[in-house]
Amino acid sequence: MLLFRWAILFLLLVAGVSFAFYAGTGQAKYRRVGWIVLKWTLLAAFGFFAVLIAERVA
């Protein structure tokens, strides 16, 4: 579980750095990569925490 939390934190950091590169350079590829990483990271995090909540309920 700790590994998954660190992976989520790392991927959110990657998305933030990508958005910072976009702000610094203005190249749209960094914004696109940032959105892709952010989207899949949030989907994975919601899925992970939904499983944890379901385990506690059951």
C-alpha atoms as a PDB file:
ATOM      1  CA  MET A   1       0.000   0.000   0.000  1.00  0.00           C
ATOM      2  CA  LEU A   2       2.841   2.361   0.822  1.00  0.00           C
ATOM      3  CA  LEU A   3       4.421   1.675  -2.555  1.00  0.00           C
ATOM      4  CA  PHE A   4       1.187   2.572  -4.333  1.00  0.00           C
ATOM      5  CA  ARG A   5       0.878   5.822  -2.404  1.00  0.00           C
ATOM      6  CA  TRP A   6       4.450   6.771  -3.311  1.00  0.00           C
ATOM      7  CA  ALA A   7       3.765   5.924  -6.950  1.00  0.00           C
ATOM      8  CA  ILE A   8       0.704   8.194  -6.963  1.00  0.00           C
ATOM      9  CA  LEU A   9       2.701  10.997  -5.354  1.00  0.00           C
ATOM     10  CA  PHE A  10       5.514  10.557  -7.889  1.00  0.00           C
ATOM     11  CA  LEU A  11       3.118  10.601 -10.854  1.00  0.00           C
ATOM     12  CA  LEU A  12       1.387  13.738  -9.538  1.00  0.00           C
ATOM     13  CA  LEU A  13       4.824  15.317  -9.249  1.00  0.00           C
ATOM     14  CA  VAL A  14       5.596  14.303 -12.850  1.00  0.00           C
ATOM     15  CA  ALA A  15       2.358  15.927 -14.001  1.00  0.00           C
ATOM     16  CA  GLY A  16       3.194  19.098 -12.071  1.00  0.00           C
ATOM     17  CA  VAL A  17       6.675  19.273 -13.590  1.00  0.00           C
ATOM     18  CA  SER A  18       5.192  18.749 -17.029  1.00  0.00           C
ATOM     19  CA  PHE A  19       2.781  21.654 -16.506  1.00  0.00           C
ATOM     20  CA  ALA A  20       5.687  23.778 -15.255  1.00  0.00           C
ATOM     21  CA  PHE A  21       7.620  22.969 -18.446  1.00  0.00           C
ATOM     22  CA  TYR A  22       4.559  23.980 -20.449  1.00  0.00           C
ATOM     23  CA  ALA A  23       4.362  27.271 -18.573  1.00  0.00           C
ATOM     24  CA  GLY A  24       8.059  27.873 -19.139  1.00  0.00           C
ATOM     25  CA  THR A  25       8.341  26.875 -22.783  1.00  0.00           C
ATOM     26  CA  GLY A  26       4.816  27.200 -24.178  1.00  0.00           C
ATOM     27  CA  GLN A  27       5.133  23.869 -25.997  1.00  0.00           C
ATOM     28  CA  ALA A  28       1.777  22.084 -26.114  1.00  0.00           C
ATOM     29  CA  LYS A  29       3.341  18.612 -25.853  1.00  0.00           C
ATOM     30  CA  TYR A  30       4.153  19.192 -22.173  1.00  0.00           C
ATOM     31  CA  ARG A  31       0.557  20.174 -21.414  1.00  0.00           C
ATOM     32  CA  ARG A  32      -0.739  17.096 -23.259  1.00  0.00           C
ATOM     33  CA  VAL A  33       1.612  14.770 -21.377  1.00  0.00           C
ATOM     34  CA  GLY A  34       0.689  16.443 -18.082  1.00  0.00           C
ATOM     35  CA  TRP A  35      -3.038  15.916 -18.686  1.00  0.00           C
ATOM     36  CA  ILE A  36      -2.532  12.281 -19.683  1.00  0.00           C
ATOM     37  CA  VAL A  37      -0.415  11.504 -16.623  1.00  0.00           C
ATOM     38  CA  LEU A  38      -2.810  13.365 -14.330  1.00  0.00           C
ATOM     39  CA  LYS A  39      -5.894  11.654 -15.765  1.00  0.00           C
ATOM     40  CA  TRP A  40      -4.552   8.112 -15.430  1.00  0.00           C
ATOM     41  CA  THR A  41      -3.037   8.789 -12.021  1.00  0.00           C
ATOM     42  CA  LEU A  42      -6.343  10.044 -10.645  1.00  0.00           C
ATOM     43  CA  LEU A  43      -8.258   7.125 -12.167  1.00  0.00           C
ATOM     44  CA  ALA A  44      -5.827   4.639 -10.632  1.00  0.00           C
ATOM     45  CA  ALA A  45      -5.964   6.402  -7.259  1.00  0.00           C
ATOM     46  CA  PHE A  46      -9.769   6.448  -7.198  1.00  0.00           C
ATOM     47  CA  GLY A  47      -9.842   2.769  -8.109  1.00  0.00           C
ATOM     48  CA  PHE A  48      -7.303   1.888  -5.429  1.00  0.00           C
ATOM     49  CA  PHE A  49      -9.111   3.773  -2.700  1.00  0.00           C
ATOM     50  CA  ALA A  50     -12.477   2.380  -3.824  1.00  0.00           C
ATOM     51  CA  VAL A  51     -11.078  -1.116  -3.284  1.00  0.00           C
ATOM     52  CA  LEU A  52      -9.821  -0.132   0.161  1.00  0.00           C
ATOM     53  CA  ILE A  53     -13.226   1.282   1.101  1.00  0.00           C
ATOM     54  CA  ALA A  54     -14.986  -1.810  -0.236  1.00  0.00           C
ATOM     55  CA  GLU A  55     -12.739  -4.033   1.881  1.00  0.00           C
ATOM     56  CA  ARG A  56     -13.615  -2.096   5.011  1.00  0.00           C
ATOM     57  CA  VAL A  57     -17.354  -2.216   4.308  1.00  0.00           C
ATOM     58  CA  ALA A  58     -17.434  -5.929   3.586  1.00  0.00           C
END
